[in-house]
Amino acid sequence: MEGSNGDLNREARQVSRREFLATAASGFVALSMIGVSGVDFFKPPVTPIDRDSSGVIFPDPSLCIGCLTCEVQCTEVHRQAGLSSIARIRIFNEPATKVAPEILKNYPGRGSFIQQPCLQCPDSPCLPVCPVNALHVDPKTGARVINEQACIACGRCAEACPFDVRSEAVATDQLTTGQKTRITYDPVKNVFTKCDLCSFRPEGPACAERCPINIRIKQGIVKSDHLCLDVPKSDQAQFLKMKAQQTVKKG
């Protein structure tokens, strides 16, 4: 009887091993097929931080007139480049913003706002969580960029982003996109997207180039020693300044 039990146990172990190998093999084939279609699950993780971004969109809410030119231009240049047309910068109504006297003088009664772009975080928590390395550091600008061809819309990058946005109930564009952080889902292309500093444009970020207040400041019509949307170098000091300005207060 003892011999029979031993034979049965050995046979059960062999069956279990065969089942495990068969399951593992089928899983490998399935993942390999996914890889052939452009998603490589066996790719080693990228090193997320090999340089700071060369720039970051740094807004001054006190100079914003809520015209939404930045959102519109962001959408347009990305659409023309064949990328997601979701705006990478968002404007929200913000009663707490103290509007600059120059804006009150030149644009009375416009309201008060806050611009909320990506902060190009030095530690880039969105990069290492991507299971397919769709997020990478652009070699030219250092911007943290999503490769839309590789993105599988899992949403982990958006969940990892430490910077919320205001409630869409106070979004100046009055759109409901489901945006929670600085990384946004595009249901049309089924990808997530974020600020890439318009790395495909020789002129740089379209929002800063075409902001009407920036233009008026450069023309000397609006008197200011800095721009409404500036693009300074992104370093730790700049990040801390933006973090203090851009962190959404809870409650």
C-alpha atoms as a PDB file:
ATOM      1  CA  MET A   1       0.000   0.000   0.000  1.00  0.00           C
ATOM      2  CA  GLU A   2       2.815   2.355   0.846  1.00  0.00           C
ATOM      3  CA  GLY A   3       4.422   1.686  -2.569  1.00  0.00           C
ATOM      4  CA  SER A   4       1.162   2.453  -4.350  1.00  0.00           C
ATOM      5  CA  ASN A   5       0.782   5.761  -2.510  1.00  0.00           C
ATOM      6  CA  GLY A   6       4.329   6.726  -3.469  1.00  0.00           C
ATOM      7  CA  ASP A   7       3.649   5.987  -7.140  1.00  0.00           C
ATOM      8  CA  LEU A   8       0.450   8.072  -7.042  1.00  0.00           C
ATOM      9  CA  ASN A   9       2.268  11.004  -5.428  1.00  0.00           C
ATOM     10  CA  ARG A  10       5.041  10.879  -8.046  1.00  0.00           C
ATOM     11  CA  GLU A  11       2.459  10.776 -10.861  1.00  0.00           C
ATOM     12  CA  ALA A  12       0.558  13.734  -9.380  1.00  0.00           C
ATOM     13  CA  ARG A  13       3.781  15.734  -9.151  1.00  0.00           C
ATOM     14  CA  GLN A  14       4.593  14.967 -12.797  1.00  0.00           C
ATOM     15  CA  VAL A  15       1.092  16.013 -13.931  1.00  0.00           C
ATOM     16  CA  SER A  16       1.324  19.229 -11.925  1.00  0.00           C
ATOM     17  CA  ARG A  17       4.715  19.996 -13.421  1.00  0.00           C
ATOM     18  CA  ARG A  18       3.426  19.342 -16.957  1.00  0.00           C
ATOM     19  CA  GLU A  19       0.424  21.623 -16.334  1.00  0.00           C
ATOM     20  CA  PHE A  20       2.692  24.367 -15.019  1.00  0.00           C
ATOM     21  CA  LEU A  21       5.014  24.135 -18.028  1.00  0.00           C
ATOM     22  CA  ALA A  22       2.076  24.150 -20.443  1.00  0.00           C
ATOM     23  CA  THR A  23       0.543  27.206 -18.779  1.00  0.00           C
ATOM     24  CA  ALA A  24       3.861  29.031 -18.697  1.00  0.00           C
ATOM     25  CA  ALA A  25       4.509  28.237 -22.346  1.00  0.00           C
ATOM     26  CA  SER A  26       1.114  29.528 -23.458  1.00  0.00           C
ATOM     27  CA  GLY A  27       1.628  32.679 -21.424  1.00  0.00           C
ATOM     28  CA  PHE A  28       5.038  33.223 -23.016  1.00  0.00           C
ATOM     29  CA  VAL A  29       3.572  32.809 -26.497  1.00  0.00           C
ATOM     30  CA  ALA A  30       0.775  35.276 -25.724  1.00  0.00           C
ATOM     31  CA  LEU A  31       3.192  37.888 -24.410  1.00  0.00           C
ATOM     32  CA  SER A  32       5.513  37.309 -27.352  1.00  0.00           C
ATOM     33  CA  MET A  33       2.643  37.963 -29.747  1.00  0.00           C
ATOM     34  CA  ILE A  34       1.856  41.184 -27.909  1.00  0.00           C
ATOM     35  CA  GLY A  35       5.522  42.108 -28.204  1.00  0.00           C
ATOM     36  CA  VAL A  36       5.452  41.533 -31.956  1.00  0.00           C
ATOM     37  CA  SER A  37       2.626  44.058 -32.231  1.00  0.00           C
ATOM     38  CA  GLY A  38       4.838  46.725 -30.689  1.00  0.00           C
ATOM     39  CA  VAL A  39       4.679  46.199 -26.914  1.00  0.00           C
ATOM     40  CA  ASP A  40       7.734  44.550 -25.395  1.00  0.00           C
ATOM     41  CA  PHE A  41       7.024  43.237 -21.900  1.00  0.00           C
ATOM     42  CA  PHE A  42      10.534  41.807 -21.632  1.00  0.00           C
ATOM     43  CA  LYS A  43      12.313  45.074 -22.239  1.00  0.00           C
ATOM     44  CA  PRO A  44      14.510  46.063 -19.275  1.00  0.00           C
ATOM     45  CA  PRO A  45      13.290  49.124 -17.365  1.00  0.00           C
ATOM     46  CA  VAL A  46      14.674  52.480 -18.434  1.00  0.00           C
ATOM     47  CA  THR A  47      16.757  54.618 -16.118  1.00  0.00           C
ATOM     48  CA  PRO A  48      14.229  57.360 -15.392  1.00  0.00           C
ATOM     49  CA  ILE A  49      16.576  60.080 -14.262  1.00  0.00           C
ATOM     50  CA  ASP A  50      19.630  60.621 -16.403  1.00  0.00           C
ATOM     51  CA  ARG A  51      19.164  64.388 -16.719  1.00  0.00           C
ATOM     52  CA  ASP A  52      16.923  67.279 -15.721  1.00  0.00           C
ATOM     53  CA  SER A  53      14.543  68.676 -18.274  1.00  0.00           C
ATOM     54  CA  SER A  54      16.036  71.611 -20.156  1.00  0.00           C
ATOM     55  CA  GLY A  55      12.887  73.572 -19.390  1.00  0.00           C
ATOM     56  CA  VAL A  56       9.471  73.585 -17.759  1.00  0.00           C
ATOM     57  CA  ILE A  57       6.311  75.603 -18.323  1.00  0.00           C
ATOM     58  CA  PHE A  58       6.357  78.052 -15.409  1.00  0.00           C
ATOM     59  CA  PRO A  59       3.147  80.092 -15.178  1.00  0.00           C
ATOM     60  CA  ASP A  60       2.365  83.281 -13.326  1.00  0.00           C
ATOM     61  CA  PRO A  61      -1.352  83.062 -12.448  1.00  0.00           C
ATOM     62  CA  SER A  62      -1.469  86.787 -11.647  1.00  0.00           C
ATOM     63  CA  LEU A  63      -0.866  87.558 -15.340  1.00  0.00           C
ATOM     64  CA  CYS A  64      -3.342  85.035 -16.783  1.00  0.00           C
ATOM     65  CA  ILE A  65      -6.509  86.406 -18.425  1.00  0.00           C
ATOM     66  CA  GLY A  66      -8.146  83.004 -18.954  1.00  0.00           C
ATOM     67  CA  CYS A  67      -8.245  83.363 -22.741  1.00  0.00           C
ATOM     68  CA  LEU A  68      -7.380  79.652 -23.237  1.00  0.00           C
ATOM     69  CA  THR A  69      -4.966  80.458 -26.077  1.00  0.00           C
ATOM     70  CA  CYS A  70      -2.414  78.149 -24.457  1.00  0.00           C
ATOM     71  CA  GLU A  71      -4.861  75.219 -24.435  1.00  0.00           C
ATOM     72  CA  VAL A  72      -5.988  75.854 -28.005  1.00  0.00           C
ATOM     73  CA  GLN A  73      -2.456  76.195 -29.379  1.00  0.00           C
ATOM     74  CA  CYS A  74      -1.282  73.111 -27.501  1.00  0.00           C
ATOM     75  CA  THR A  75      -4.136  71.132 -29.020  1.00  0.00           C
ATOM     76  CA  GLU A  76      -3.517  72.479 -32.522  1.00  0.00           C
ATOM     77  CA  VAL A  77       0.249  71.896 -32.803  1.00  0.00           C
ATOM     78  CA  HIS A  78      -0.030  68.376 -31.391  1.00  0.00           C
ATOM     79  CA  ARG A  79      -2.893  67.533 -33.741  1.00  0.00           C
ATOM     80  CA  GLN A  80      -0.845  68.794 -36.683  1.00  0.00           C
ATOM     81  CA  ALA A  81       2.016  66.556 -35.536  1.00  0.00           C
ATOM     82  CA  GLY A  82      -0.301  63.533 -35.525  1.00  0.00           C
ATOM     83  CA  LEU A  83      -0.372  63.344 -31.736  1.00  0.00           C
ATOM     84  CA  SER A  84      -3.189  63.428 -29.206  1.00  0.00           C
ATOM     85  CA  SER A  85      -5.122  66.684 -29.368  1.00  0.00           C
ATOM     86  CA  ILE A  86      -5.737  66.766 -25.602  1.00  0.00           C
ATOM     87  CA  ALA A  87      -4.329  70.019 -24.193  1.00  0.00           C
ATOM     88  CA  ARG A  88      -1.268  69.423 -22.003  1.00  0.00           C
ATOM     89  CA  ILE A  89      -1.908  72.586 -19.997  1.00  0.00           C
ATOM     90  CA  ARG A  90      -5.200  73.368 -18.256  1.00  0.00           C
ATOM     91  CA  ILE A  91      -6.630  76.646 -16.991  1.00  0.00           C
ATOM     92  CA  PHE A  92      -8.879  76.777 -13.932  1.00  0.00           C
ATOM     93  CA  ASN A  93     -10.885  79.567 -12.362  1.00  0.00           C
ATOM     94  CA  GLU A  94      -9.162  80.532  -9.113  1.00  0.00           C
ATOM     95  CA  PRO A  95     -10.705  83.221  -6.865  1.00  0.00           C
ATOM     96  CA  ALA A  96      -7.625  83.169  -4.617  1.00  0.00           C
ATOM     97  CA  THR A  97      -5.349  84.463  -7.386  1.00  0.00           C
ATOM     98  CA  LYS A  98      -4.420  88.105  -6.909  1.00  0.00           C
ATOM     99  CA  VAL A  99      -4.483  89.612 -10.393  1.00  0.00           C
ATOM    100  CA  ALA A 100      -1.520  91.844 -11.317  1.00  0.00           C
ATOM    101  CA  PRO A 101      -2.297  95.602 -11.567  1.00  0.00           C
ATOM    102  CA  GLU A 102      -1.086  95.653 -15.198  1.00  0.00           C
ATOM    103  CA  ILE A 103      -3.682  93.032 -16.098  1.00  0.00           C
ATOM    104  CA  LEU A 104      -6.436  94.862 -14.225  1.00  0.00           C
ATOM    105  CA  LYS A 105      -5.514  98.017 -16.138  1.00  0.00           C
ATOM    106  CA  ASN A 106      -5.260  96.473 -19.597  1.00  0.00           C
ATOM    107  CA  TYR A 107      -7.820  93.667 -19.253  1.00  0.00           C
ATOM    108  CA  PRO A 108     -10.379  94.731 -16.631  1.00  0.00           C
ATOM    109  CA  GLY A 109     -13.030  92.284 -15.470  1.00  0.00           C
ATOM    110  CA  ARG A 110     -11.413  89.155 -16.925  1.00  0.00           C
ATOM    111  CA  GLY A 111     -11.507  87.150 -13.705  1.00  0.00           C
ATOM    112  CA  SER A 112      -8.737  85.257 -11.915  1.00  0.00           C
ATOM    113  CA  PHE A 113      -7.169  81.956 -12.926  1.00  0.00           C
ATOM    114  CA  ILE A 114      -4.406  79.439 -12.402  1.00  0.00           C
ATOM    115  CA  GLN A 115      -2.566  77.520 -15.117  1.00  0.00           C
ATOM    116  CA  GLN A 116      -1.721  73.898 -14.331  1.00  0.00           C
ATOM    117  CA  PRO A 117       0.956  72.249 -16.519  1.00  0.00           C
ATOM    118  CA  CYS A 118       3.261  69.282 -15.950  1.00  0.00           C
ATOM    119  CA  LEU A 119       6.143  70.106 -13.582  1.00  0.00           C
ATOM    120  CA  GLN A 120       8.714  67.860 -15.352  1.00  0.00           C
ATOM    121  CA  CYS A 121       9.578  66.417 -11.929  1.00  0.00           C
ATOM    122  CA  PRO A 122      13.306  65.769 -11.410  1.00  0.00           C
ATOM    123  CA  ASP A 123      12.515  62.356  -9.883  1.00  0.00           C
ATOM    124  CA  SER A 124       9.890  61.570 -12.537  1.00  0.00           C
ATOM    125  CA  PRO A 125       7.659  59.134 -10.590  1.00  0.00           C
ATOM    126  CA  CYS A 126       5.600  58.544 -13.742  1.00  0.00           C
ATOM    127  CA  LEU A 127       8.485  56.918 -15.645  1.00  0.00           C
ATOM    128  CA  PRO A 128       9.387  53.761 -13.707  1.00  0.00           C
ATOM    129  CA  VAL A 129       5.768  52.629 -13.253  1.00  0.00           C
ATOM    130  CA  CYS A 130       5.118  52.272 -16.994  1.00  0.00           C
ATOM    131  CA  PRO A 131       5.124  48.523 -17.761  1.00  0.00           C
ATOM    132  CA  VAL A 132       6.097  49.044 -21.407  1.00  0.00           C
ATOM    133  CA  ASN A 133       8.557  51.945 -21.115  1.00  0.00           C
ATOM    134  CA  ALA A 134       6.283  54.242 -23.105  1.00  0.00           C
ATOM    135  CA  LEU A 135       7.544  57.101 -20.941  1.00  0.00           C
ATOM    136  CA  HIS A 136      11.050  58.278 -21.628  1.00  0.00           C
ATOM    137  CA  VAL A 137      13.339  61.277 -21.312  1.00  0.00           C
ATOM    138  CA  ASP A 138      13.492  63.140 -24.603  1.00  0.00           C
ATOM    139  CA  PRO A 139      17.161  63.249 -25.659  1.00  0.00           C
ATOM    140  CA  LYS A 140      16.869  66.793 -27.023  1.00  0.00           C
ATOM    141  CA  THR A 141      14.832  68.617 -24.371  1.00  0.00           C
ATOM    142  CA  GLY A 142      14.983  66.283 -21.369  1.00  0.00           C
ATOM    143  CA  ALA A 143      11.180  66.494 -21.168  1.00  0.00           C
ATOM    144  CA  ARG A 144       9.407  63.470 -19.764  1.00  0.00           C
ATOM    145  CA  VAL A 145       7.495  62.270 -22.825  1.00  0.00           C
ATOM    146  CA  ILE A 146       4.906  59.561 -23.559  1.00  0.00           C
ATOM    147  CA  ASN A 147       5.420  57.574 -26.747  1.00  0.00           C
ATOM    148  CA  GLU A 148       1.844  57.252 -27.954  1.00  0.00           C
ATOM    149  CA  GLN A 149       2.760  54.340 -30.217  1.00  0.00           C
ATOM    150  CA  ALA A 150       3.873  52.316 -27.203  1.00  0.00           C
ATOM    151  CA  CYS A 151       1.295  53.475 -24.628  1.00  0.00           C
ATOM    152  CA  ILE A 152      -1.198  50.763 -23.629  1.00  0.00           C
ATOM    153  CA  ALA A 153      -3.444  53.191 -21.686  1.00  0.00           C
ATOM    154  CA  CYS A 154      -3.044  51.361 -18.381  1.00  0.00           C
ATOM    155  CA  GLY A 155      -3.118  54.676 -16.496  1.00  0.00           C
ATOM    156  CA  ARG A 156      -0.296  53.898 -14.080  1.00  0.00           C
ATOM    157  CA  CYS A 157       1.581  57.066 -15.016  1.00  0.00           C
ATOM    158  CA  ALA A 158      -1.454  59.232 -14.233  1.00  0.00           C
ATOM    159  CA  GLU A 159      -1.898  57.456 -10.907  1.00  0.00           C
ATOM    160  CA  ALA A 160       1.782  57.982 -10.059  1.00  0.00           C
ATOM    161  CA  CYS A 161       1.721  61.703 -10.871  1.00  0.00           C
ATOM    162  CA  PRO A 162       1.953  63.484  -7.494  1.00  0.00           C
ATOM    163  CA  PHE A 163       0.260  66.677  -8.699  1.00  0.00           C
ATOM    164  CA  ASP A 164      -3.517  66.818  -8.835  1.00  0.00           C
ATOM    165  CA  VAL A 165      -5.429  69.414 -10.817  1.00  0.00           C
ATOM    166  CA  ARG A 166      -8.332  71.528  -9.644  1.00  0.00           C
ATOM    167  CA  SER A 167     -11.813  70.078  -9.900  1.00  0.00           C
ATOM    168  CA  GLU A 168     -13.139  70.120 -13.459  1.00  0.00           C
ATOM    169  CA  ALA A 169     -16.167  71.946 -12.042  1.00  0.00           C
ATOM    170  CA  VAL A 170     -13.959  75.068 -12.098  1.00  0.00           C
ATOM    171  CA  ALA A 171     -12.149  74.340 -15.380  1.00  0.00           C
ATOM    172  CA  THR A 172     -12.219  77.497 -17.477  1.00  0.00           C
ATOM    173  CA  ASP A 173     -12.814  75.491 -20.676  1.00  0.00           C
ATOM    174  CA  GLN A 174     -15.878  73.868 -19.030  1.00  0.00           C
ATOM    175  CA  LEU A 175     -14.869  70.474 -20.439  1.00  0.00           C
ATOM    176  CA  THR A 176     -15.214  67.196 -18.577  1.00  0.00           C
ATOM    177  CA  THR A 177     -12.321  64.887 -19.459  1.00  0.00           C
ATOM    178  CA  GLY A 178     -11.907  62.987 -16.202  1.00  0.00           C
ATOM    179  CA  GLN A 179      -8.504  64.590 -15.644  1.00  0.00           C
ATOM    180  CA  LYS A 180      -7.192  64.121 -12.110  1.00  0.00           C
ATOM    181  CA  THR A 181      -3.459  64.806 -12.433  1.00  0.00           C
ATOM    182  CA  ARG A 182      -1.061  66.400 -14.924  1.00  0.00           C
ATOM    183  CA  ILE A 183      -1.291  63.293 -17.140  1.00  0.00           C
ATOM    184  CA  THR A 184      -4.526  63.008 -19.103  1.00  0.00           C
ATOM    185  CA  TYR A 185      -6.364  60.194 -20.875  1.00  0.00           C
ATOM    186  CA  ASP A 186      -7.385  60.692 -24.507  1.00  0.00           C
ATOM    187  CA  PRO A 187     -10.346  58.410 -25.285  1.00  0.00           C
ATOM    188  CA  VAL A 188     -10.106  59.137 -29.019  1.00  0.00           C
ATOM    189  CA  LYS A 189      -6.571  57.758 -29.375  1.00  0.00           C
ATOM    190  CA  ASN A 190      -6.809  55.540 -26.268  1.00  0.00           C
ATOM    191  CA  VAL A 191      -3.535  56.863 -24.879  1.00  0.00           C
ATOM    192  CA  PHE A 192      -2.363  58.970 -21.964  1.00  0.00           C
ATOM    193  CA  THR A 193      -0.597  62.220 -22.673  1.00  0.00           C
ATOM    194  CA  LYS A 194       1.350  64.961 -20.904  1.00  0.00           C
ATOM    195  CA  CYS A 195       3.441  68.048 -21.617  1.00  0.00           C
ATOM    196  CA  ASP A 196       6.360  67.235 -23.922  1.00  0.00           C
ATOM    197  CA  LEU A 197       7.603  70.839 -24.200  1.00  0.00           C
ATOM    198  CA  CYS A 198       6.624  70.596 -27.892  1.00  0.00           C
ATOM    199  CA  SER A 199       9.951  68.837 -28.434  1.00  0.00           C
ATOM    200  CA  PHE A 200       9.030  68.362 -32.120  1.00  0.00           C
ATOM    201  CA  ARG A 201       8.859  72.150 -32.666  1.00  0.00           C
ATOM    202  CA  PRO A 202      12.022  74.182 -33.337  1.00  0.00           C
ATOM    203  CA  GLU A 203      10.235  77.163 -31.754  1.00  0.00           C
ATOM    204  CA  GLY A 204       9.657  75.256 -28.506  1.00  0.00           C
ATOM    205  CA  PRO A 205       6.438  75.220 -26.459  1.00  0.00           C
ATOM    206  CA  ALA A 206       3.533  76.687 -28.439  1.00  0.00           C
ATOM    207  CA  CYS A 207       1.694  77.808 -25.299  1.00  0.00           C
ATOM    208  CA  ALA A 208       4.505  80.174 -24.292  1.00  0.00           C
ATOM    209  CA  GLU A 209       5.227  81.348 -27.830  1.00  0.00           C
ATOM    210  CA  ARG A 210       1.606  82.310 -28.575  1.00  0.00           C
ATOM    211  CA  CYS A 211       0.323  83.459 -25.187  1.00  0.00           C
ATOM    212  CA  PRO A 212      -1.138  86.939 -25.900  1.00  0.00           C
ATOM    213  CA  ILE A 213       0.116  88.306 -22.578  1.00  0.00           C
ATOM    214  CA  ASN A 214       3.635  87.097 -23.360  1.00  0.00           C
ATOM    215  CA  ILE A 215       3.364  88.856 -26.719  1.00  0.00           C
ATOM    216  CA  ARG A 216       2.109  92.096 -25.127  1.00  0.00           C
ATOM    217  CA  ILE A 217       4.892  91.993 -22.533  1.00  0.00           C
ATOM    218  CA  LYS A 218       7.505  91.599 -25.265  1.00  0.00           C
ATOM    219  CA  GLN A 219       5.891  94.477 -27.152  1.00  0.00           C
ATOM    220  CA  GLY A 220       6.054  96.650 -24.028  1.00  0.00           C
ATOM    221  CA  ILE A 221       2.273  97.090 -23.869  1.00  0.00           C
ATOM    222  CA  VAL A 222       1.950  95.127 -20.638  1.00  0.00           C
ATOM    223  CA  LYS A 223       4.694  96.140 -18.222  1.00  0.00           C
ATOM    224  CA  SER A 224       6.219  93.102 -16.537  1.00  0.00           C
ATOM    225  CA  ASP A 225       9.737  91.873 -15.881  1.00  0.00           C
ATOM    226  CA  HIS A 226       8.636  88.271 -16.471  1.00  0.00           C
ATOM    227  CA  LEU A 227       6.234  86.361 -18.689  1.00  0.00           C
ATOM    228  CA  CYS A 228       2.804  84.894 -18.051  1.00  0.00           C
ATOM    229  CA  LEU A 229       4.097  81.533 -19.293  1.00  0.00           C
ATOM    230  CA  ASP A 230       7.866  81.266 -19.018  1.00  0.00           C
ATOM    231  CA  VAL A 231      10.142  78.323 -19.879  1.00  0.00           C
ATOM    232  CA  PRO A 232      13.037  78.414 -17.386  1.00  0.00           C
ATOM    233  CA  LYS A 233      15.524  75.598 -16.910  1.00  0.00           C
ATOM    234  CA  SER A 234      14.083  72.817 -14.809  1.00  0.00           C
ATOM    235  CA  ASP A 235      16.285  72.201 -11.782  1.00  0.00           C
ATOM    236  CA  GLN A 236      15.640  71.392  -8.138  1.00  0.00           C
ATOM    237  CA  ALA A 237      15.226  75.035  -7.109  1.00  0.00           C
ATOM    238  CA  GLN A 238      12.749  75.689  -9.920  1.00  0.00           C
ATOM    239  CA  PHE A 239      10.870  72.487  -9.098  1.00  0.00           C
ATOM    240  CA  LEU A 240      10.466  73.485  -5.454  1.00  0.00           C
ATOM    241  CA  LYS A 241       9.158  76.898  -6.509  1.00  0.00           C
ATOM    242  CA  MET A 242       6.620  75.289  -8.836  1.00  0.00           C
ATOM    243  CA  LYS A 243       5.676  72.684  -6.257  1.00  0.00           C
ATOM    244  CA  ALA A 244       4.733  75.428  -3.799  1.00  0.00           C
ATOM    245  CA  GLN A 245       2.655  77.180  -6.449  1.00  0.00           C
ATOM    246  CA  GLN A 246       1.058  74.149  -8.094  1.00  0.00           C
ATOM    247  CA  THR A 247       0.183  71.809  -5.206  1.00  0.00           C
ATOM    248  CA  VAL A 248      -3.602  71.620  -4.945  1.00  0.00           C
ATOM    249  CA  LYS A 249      -4.769  72.245  -1.403  1.00  0.00           C
ATOM    250  CA  LYS A 250      -7.187  69.601  -0.147  1.00  0.00           C
ATOM    251  CA  GLY A 251     -10.408  70.501   1.652  1.00  0.00           C
END
